[in-house]
Amino acid sequence: MFGRAAKRLAFKTWYELDAREKQRFVDAFVDAHQRQYPWSRSNRSLRALSARHDTRHQDSPSLFAVFYSDIRSNRCRRFSDPSFQRLLVEKKTH
């Protein structure tokens, strides 16, 4: 338990990500989901939602914030594959 909590703290929360990091996560998440679940009907919807990311207003669909948080907290077995874990952004240590 403690090890998992410490590991989670090593990664930024969704709200700590800048617009570029969010966009990178969204694009990589959609690609990873497509590879992991090629027959999922969600793939088309995720692709459409990812296209709606607005970098001018630093806005992305909140669904991706939920996915990021689920991966970060390891709450959802669907995203427990290492390909999803690699999408998390590490905190910089000084």
C-alpha atoms as a PDB file:
ATOM      1  CA  MET A   1       0.000   0.000   0.000  1.00  0.00           C
ATOM      2  CA  PHE A   2       2.661   2.521   1.011  1.00  0.00           C
ATOM      3  CA  GLY A   3       4.763   1.713  -2.062  1.00  0.00           C
ATOM      4  CA  ARG A   4       1.816   2.292  -4.364  1.00  0.00           C
ATOM      5  CA  ALA A   5       1.023   5.641  -2.718  1.00  0.00           C
ATOM      6  CA  ALA A   6       4.644   6.774  -3.002  1.00  0.00           C
ATOM      7  CA  LYS A   7       4.719   5.726  -6.647  1.00  0.00           C
ATOM      8  CA  ARG A   8       1.526   7.693  -7.326  1.00  0.00           C
ATOM      9  CA  LEU A   9       3.046  10.818  -5.748  1.00  0.00           C
ATOM     10  CA  ALA A  10       5.927  10.616  -8.238  1.00  0.00           C
ATOM     11  CA  PHE A  11       3.533  11.593 -11.035  1.00  0.00           C
ATOM     12  CA  LYS A  12       1.817  14.900 -11.665  1.00  0.00           C
ATOM     13  CA  THR A  13      -1.918  15.188 -11.207  1.00  0.00           C
ATOM     14  CA  TRP A  14      -3.990  16.156 -14.241  1.00  0.00           C
ATOM     15  CA  TYR A  15      -4.253  19.716 -12.948  1.00  0.00           C
ATOM     16  CA  GLU A  16      -0.475  20.024 -12.667  1.00  0.00           C
ATOM     17  CA  LEU A  17      -0.011  19.234 -16.365  1.00  0.00           C
ATOM     18  CA  ASP A  18       0.499  22.092 -18.787  1.00  0.00           C
ATOM     19  CA  ALA A  19      -1.445  22.244 -22.053  1.00  0.00           C
ATOM     20  CA  ARG A  20       1.293  20.502 -24.043  1.00  0.00           C
ATOM     21  CA  GLU A  21       1.542  17.646 -21.539  1.00  0.00           C
ATOM     22  CA  LYS A  22      -2.235  17.215 -21.576  1.00  0.00           C
ATOM     23  CA  GLN A  23      -2.294  17.105 -25.371  1.00  0.00           C
ATOM     24  CA  ARG A  24       0.532  14.577 -25.406  1.00  0.00           C
ATOM     25  CA  PHE A  25      -1.342  12.404 -22.892  1.00  0.00           C
ATOM     26  CA  VAL A  26      -4.623  12.624 -24.821  1.00  0.00           C
ATOM     27  CA  ASP A  27      -3.026  11.659 -28.139  1.00  0.00           C
ATOM     28  CA  ALA A  28      -0.957   8.851 -26.609  1.00  0.00           C
ATOM     29  CA  PHE A  29      -3.914   7.568 -24.576  1.00  0.00           C
ATOM     30  CA  VAL A  30      -6.115   7.315 -27.659  1.00  0.00           C
ATOM     31  CA  ASP A  31      -3.354   5.437 -29.513  1.00  0.00           C
ATOM     32  CA  ALA A  32      -2.694   3.105 -26.553  1.00  0.00           C
ATOM     33  CA  HIS A  33      -6.400   2.400 -26.139  1.00  0.00           C
ATOM     34  CA  GLN A  34      -6.670   1.583 -29.850  1.00  0.00           C
ATOM     35  CA  ARG A  35      -3.729  -0.853 -29.612  1.00  0.00           C
ATOM     36  CA  GLN A  36      -4.912  -2.448 -26.364  1.00  0.00           C
ATOM     37  CA  TYR A  37      -8.590  -2.706 -27.329  1.00  0.00           C
ATOM     38  CA  PRO A  38      -8.700  -2.721 -31.155  1.00  0.00           C
ATOM     39  CA  TRP A  39     -12.315  -3.886 -31.356  1.00  0.00           C
ATOM     40  CA  SER A  40     -13.689  -1.441 -28.796  1.00  0.00           C
ATOM     41  CA  ARG A  41     -16.490   0.775 -30.037  1.00  0.00           C
ATOM     42  CA  SER A  42     -15.080   3.529 -27.822  1.00  0.00           C
ATOM     43  CA  ASN A  43     -12.114   4.102 -30.122  1.00  0.00           C
ATOM     44  CA  ARG A  44     -14.007   6.248 -32.600  1.00  0.00           C
ATOM     45  CA  SER A  45     -15.525   8.371 -29.814  1.00  0.00           C
ATOM     46  CA  LEU A  46     -12.169   8.815 -28.105  1.00  0.00           C
ATOM     47  CA  ARG A  47     -10.586   9.888 -31.389  1.00  0.00           C
ATOM     48  CA  ALA A  48     -13.365  12.454 -31.949  1.00  0.00           C
ATOM     49  CA  LEU A  49     -13.038  13.785 -28.401  1.00  0.00           C
ATOM     50  CA  SER A  50      -9.269  14.072 -28.710  1.00  0.00           C
ATOM     51  CA  ALA A  51      -9.710  16.282 -31.770  1.00  0.00           C
ATOM     52  CA  ARG A  52     -11.672  18.725 -29.607  1.00  0.00           C
ATOM     53  CA  HIS A  53      -8.660  19.614 -27.449  1.00  0.00           C
ATOM     54  CA  ASP A  54      -8.290  23.399 -27.476  1.00  0.00           C
ATOM     55  CA  THR A  55      -4.713  24.501 -26.796  1.00  0.00           C
ATOM     56  CA  ARG A  56      -5.583  28.200 -26.968  1.00  0.00           C
ATOM     57  CA  HIS A  57      -7.816  27.942 -23.924  1.00  0.00           C
ATOM     58  CA  GLN A  58      -5.875  25.038 -22.392  1.00  0.00           C
ATOM     59  CA  ASP A  59      -9.033  22.988 -22.510  1.00  0.00           C
ATOM     60  CA  SER A  60      -9.448  19.287 -23.061  1.00  0.00           C
ATOM     61  CA  PRO A  61     -12.482  17.074 -22.556  1.00  0.00           C
ATOM     62  CA  SER A  62     -12.735  16.235 -18.845  1.00  0.00           C
ATOM     63  CA  LEU A  63     -13.123  12.555 -19.663  1.00  0.00           C
ATOM     64  CA  PHE A  64      -9.369  12.413 -20.254  1.00  0.00           C
ATOM     65  CA  ALA A  65      -8.772  13.890 -16.783  1.00  0.00           C
ATOM     66  CA  VAL A  66     -10.776  10.982 -15.367  1.00  0.00           C
ATOM     67  CA  PHE A  67      -8.740   8.467 -17.381  1.00  0.00           C
ATOM     68  CA  TYR A  68      -5.457  10.070 -16.272  1.00  0.00           C
ATOM     69  CA  SER A  69      -6.542   9.990 -12.619  1.00  0.00           C
ATOM     70  CA  ASP A  70      -7.654   6.362 -12.904  1.00  0.00           C
ATOM     71  CA  ILE A  71      -4.294   5.366 -14.371  1.00  0.00           C
ATOM     72  CA  ARG A  72      -2.399   7.397 -11.764  1.00  0.00           C
ATOM     73  CA  SER A  73      -4.279   5.880  -8.833  1.00  0.00           C
ATOM     74  CA  ASN A  74      -4.319   2.402 -10.394  1.00  0.00           C
ATOM     75  CA  ARG A  75      -8.061   2.283  -9.665  1.00  0.00           C
ATOM     76  CA  CYS A  76      -9.184   0.713 -12.895  1.00  0.00           C
ATOM     77  CA  ARG A  77      -7.923  -2.698 -14.013  1.00  0.00           C
ATOM     78  CA  ARG A  78      -8.735  -1.791 -17.599  1.00  0.00           C
ATOM     79  CA  PHE A  79      -5.803   0.642 -17.570  1.00  0.00           C
ATOM     80  CA  SER A  80      -3.365  -1.447 -15.505  1.00  0.00           C
ATOM     81  CA  ASP A  81      -1.334  -2.424 -18.568  1.00  0.00           C
ATOM     82  CA  PRO A  82       2.168  -0.863 -18.552  1.00  0.00           C
ATOM     83  CA  SER A  83       1.410   0.881 -21.862  1.00  0.00           C
ATOM     84  CA  PHE A  84      -1.054   3.092 -19.976  1.00  0.00           C
ATOM     85  CA  GLN A  85       1.233   3.549 -16.956  1.00  0.00           C
ATOM     86  CA  ARG A  86       3.941   4.941 -19.255  1.00  0.00           C
ATOM     87  CA  LEU A  87       1.626   7.798 -20.237  1.00  0.00           C
ATOM     88  CA  LEU A  88       1.843   9.422 -16.805  1.00  0.00           C
ATOM     89  CA  VAL A  89       4.006  12.538 -16.466  1.00  0.00           C
ATOM     90  CA  GLU A  90       6.645  12.384 -13.744  1.00  0.00           C
ATOM     91  CA  LYS A  91       7.110  15.234 -11.313  1.00  0.00           C
ATOM     92  CA  LYS A  92      10.442  16.978 -11.611  1.00  0.00           C
ATOM     93  CA  THR A  93      12.600  16.715  -8.508  1.00  0.00           C
ATOM     94  CA  HIS A  94      14.903  19.595  -7.710  1.00  0.00           C
END
